[in-house]
Amino acid sequence: MRDDIRFLEELVAAVPEFGELYEIHVENNGEPLPHVFFGLDVTPAVVDSYLGKDPEGPDWRATLEFLEEQSELQVPAITEVIVTSFFDNLPFRGEPGHGIVEHLGPVMAAAFRRAGQGAR
């Protein structure tokens, strides 16, 4: 199994609230598409949870903790999904939800800065 697909399945196991979104994603796309899932489903759901918009949504803290653990592994396919499809879809400075970047763990915060997102 590809590392990025395994990553999605481990995310769903770690944060079960993503289960239904993941099932719908696979059904709609015929297969897991990690970048699409993160860009269209995971990141908006995490930001909404952070903002308190969806009390039944995924636990944003548990999600960031999972992403930090995965970032520590330094698996290129996983890092690519986090950097290009999670970081790039976070709110810009001044937008609601931008404060979530203050909660990134040390590995993700460093990657966020390296990706040039720290200026956002």
Protein backbone atom coordinates (compact mmCIF):
# COMPACT_ATOMS: atom_id res chain seq x y z
CA MET A 1 0.00 0.00 0.00
CA ARG A 2 1.28 3.49 -0.84
CA ASP A 3 2.49 5.55 2.10
CA ASP A 4 0.03 8.37 1.44
CA ILE A 5 -2.95 5.98 1.31
CA ARG A 6 -1.82 4.26 4.52
CA PHE A 7 -1.54 7.76 6.03
CA LEU A 8 -5.23 8.44 5.27
CA GLU A 9 -6.31 5.14 6.79
CA GLU A 10 -4.25 5.81 9.91
CA LEU A 11 -5.78 9.29 10.15
CA VAL A 12 -9.27 7.77 10.14
CA ALA A 13 -8.20 5.27 12.81
CA ALA A 14 -6.70 8.04 14.97
CA VAL A 15 -9.55 10.53 14.44
CA PRO A 16 -12.68 8.45 13.73
CA GLU A 17 -14.78 11.52 12.95
CA PHE A 18 -13.07 11.52 9.54
CA GLY A 19 -14.46 8.05 8.77
CA GLU A 20 -17.65 9.10 7.05
CA LEU A 21 -15.90 11.87 5.08
CA TYR A 22 -13.29 9.35 3.95
CA GLU A 23 -15.91 6.80 2.87
CA ILE A 24 -17.77 9.45 0.86
CA HIS A 25 -14.50 10.65 -0.65
CA VAL A 26 -13.54 7.15 -1.83
CA GLU A 27 -17.05 6.48 -3.12
CA ASN A 28 -17.09 9.75 -5.08
CA ASN A 29 -13.57 9.34 -6.49
CA GLY A 30 -13.37 5.58 -6.91
CA GLU A 31 -10.15 5.53 -4.91
CA PRO A 32 -8.43 7.50 -2.17
CA LEU A 33 -6.88 10.72 -3.46
CA PRO A 34 -4.80 12.01 -0.53
CA HIS A 35 -4.28 15.57 -1.75
CA VAL A 36 -7.93 15.99 -2.71
CA PHE A 37 -9.14 14.52 0.59
CA PHE A 38 -6.90 16.83 2.61
CA GLY A 39 -7.60 19.93 0.55
CA LEU A 40 -11.36 19.57 0.29
CA ASP A 41 -12.30 17.62 3.40
CA VAL A 42 -9.67 17.40 6.14
CA THR A 43 -8.35 20.96 6.30
CA PRO A 44 -11.77 22.68 6.20
CA ALA A 45 -13.12 20.26 8.81
CA VAL A 46 -10.15 20.87 11.12
CA VAL A 47 -10.44 24.65 10.78
CA ASP A 48 -14.21 24.50 11.40
CA SER A 49 -13.57 22.39 14.49
CA TYR A 50 -10.94 24.86 15.71
CA LEU A 51 -13.45 27.69 15.24
CA GLY A 52 -16.13 25.73 17.11
CA LYS A 53 -18.40 25.64 14.05
CA ASP A 54 -18.89 21.88 14.13
CA PRO A 55 -19.00 20.37 17.63
CA GLU A 56 -19.57 16.94 16.10
CA GLY A 57 -16.65 17.32 13.70
CA PRO A 58 -13.14 15.97 14.06
CA ASP A 59 -11.10 16.84 17.13
CA TRP A 60 -8.72 19.48 15.76
CA ARG A 61 -6.20 18.93 18.56
CA ALA A 62 -6.10 15.16 17.96
CA THR A 63 -5.71 15.82 14.24
CA LEU A 64 -2.77 18.18 14.75
CA GLU A 65 -1.20 15.69 17.15
CA PHE A 66 -1.55 12.92 14.55
CA LEU A 67 -0.09 15.14 11.83
CA GLU A 68 2.83 16.06 14.07
CA GLU A 69 3.57 12.39 14.74
CA GLN A 70 3.41 11.65 11.02
CA SER A 71 5.64 14.64 10.24
CA GLU A 72 8.26 13.31 12.63
CA LEU A 73 8.52 10.16 10.49
CA GLN A 74 9.72 12.24 7.52
CA VAL A 75 8.09 10.00 4.91
CA PRO A 76 8.25 12.03 1.67
CA ALA A 77 4.75 11.14 0.40
CA ILE A 78 3.18 12.04 3.74
CA THR A 79 5.17 15.24 4.13
CA GLU A 80 4.07 16.28 0.65
CA VAL A 81 0.39 15.84 1.53
CA ILE A 82 0.78 17.80 4.77
CA VAL A 83 2.74 20.65 3.18
CA THR A 84 0.83 21.04 -0.08
CA SER A 85 -2.68 20.03 0.88
CA PHE A 86 -2.95 20.92 4.56
CA PHE A 87 -0.71 23.97 4.99
CA ASP A 88 -1.72 25.51 1.66
CA ASN A 89 -5.40 25.35 2.61
CA LEU A 90 -5.11 26.88 6.07
CA PRO A 91 -6.57 30.37 6.49
CA PHE A 92 -4.34 33.35 5.77
CA ARG A 93 -3.33 35.78 8.50
CA GLY A 94 -6.35 37.92 9.36
CA GLU A 95 -8.85 35.26 8.28
CA PRO A 96 -10.96 33.34 10.81
CA GLY A 97 -9.12 30.22 11.91
CA HIS A 98 -5.58 31.42 11.18
CA GLY A 99 -4.77 31.06 14.89
CA ILE A 100 -4.63 27.29 14.42
CA VAL A 101 -1.07 27.69 13.12
CA GLU A 102 -0.04 28.69 16.65
CA HIS A 103 -0.97 25.15 17.72
CA LEU A 104 1.26 23.30 15.22
CA GLY A 105 3.81 21.05 16.88
CA PRO A 106 7.51 21.87 16.51
CA VAL A 107 8.14 19.66 13.47
CA MET A 108 5.09 20.95 11.61
CA ALA A 109 5.76 24.56 12.63
CA ALA A 110 9.27 24.31 11.17
CA ALA A 111 7.90 22.74 7.97
CA PHE A 112 5.25 25.48 7.80
CA ARG A 113 7.96 28.15 7.97
CA ARG A 114 10.19 26.32 5.43
CA ALA A 115 7.25 26.08 3.05
CA GLY A 116 7.01 29.85 3.18
CA GLN A 117 3.70 29.72 4.97
CA GLY A 118 5.00 31.46 8.08
CA ALA A 119 4.55 34.82 6.35
CA ARG A 120 0.85 34.08 5.79
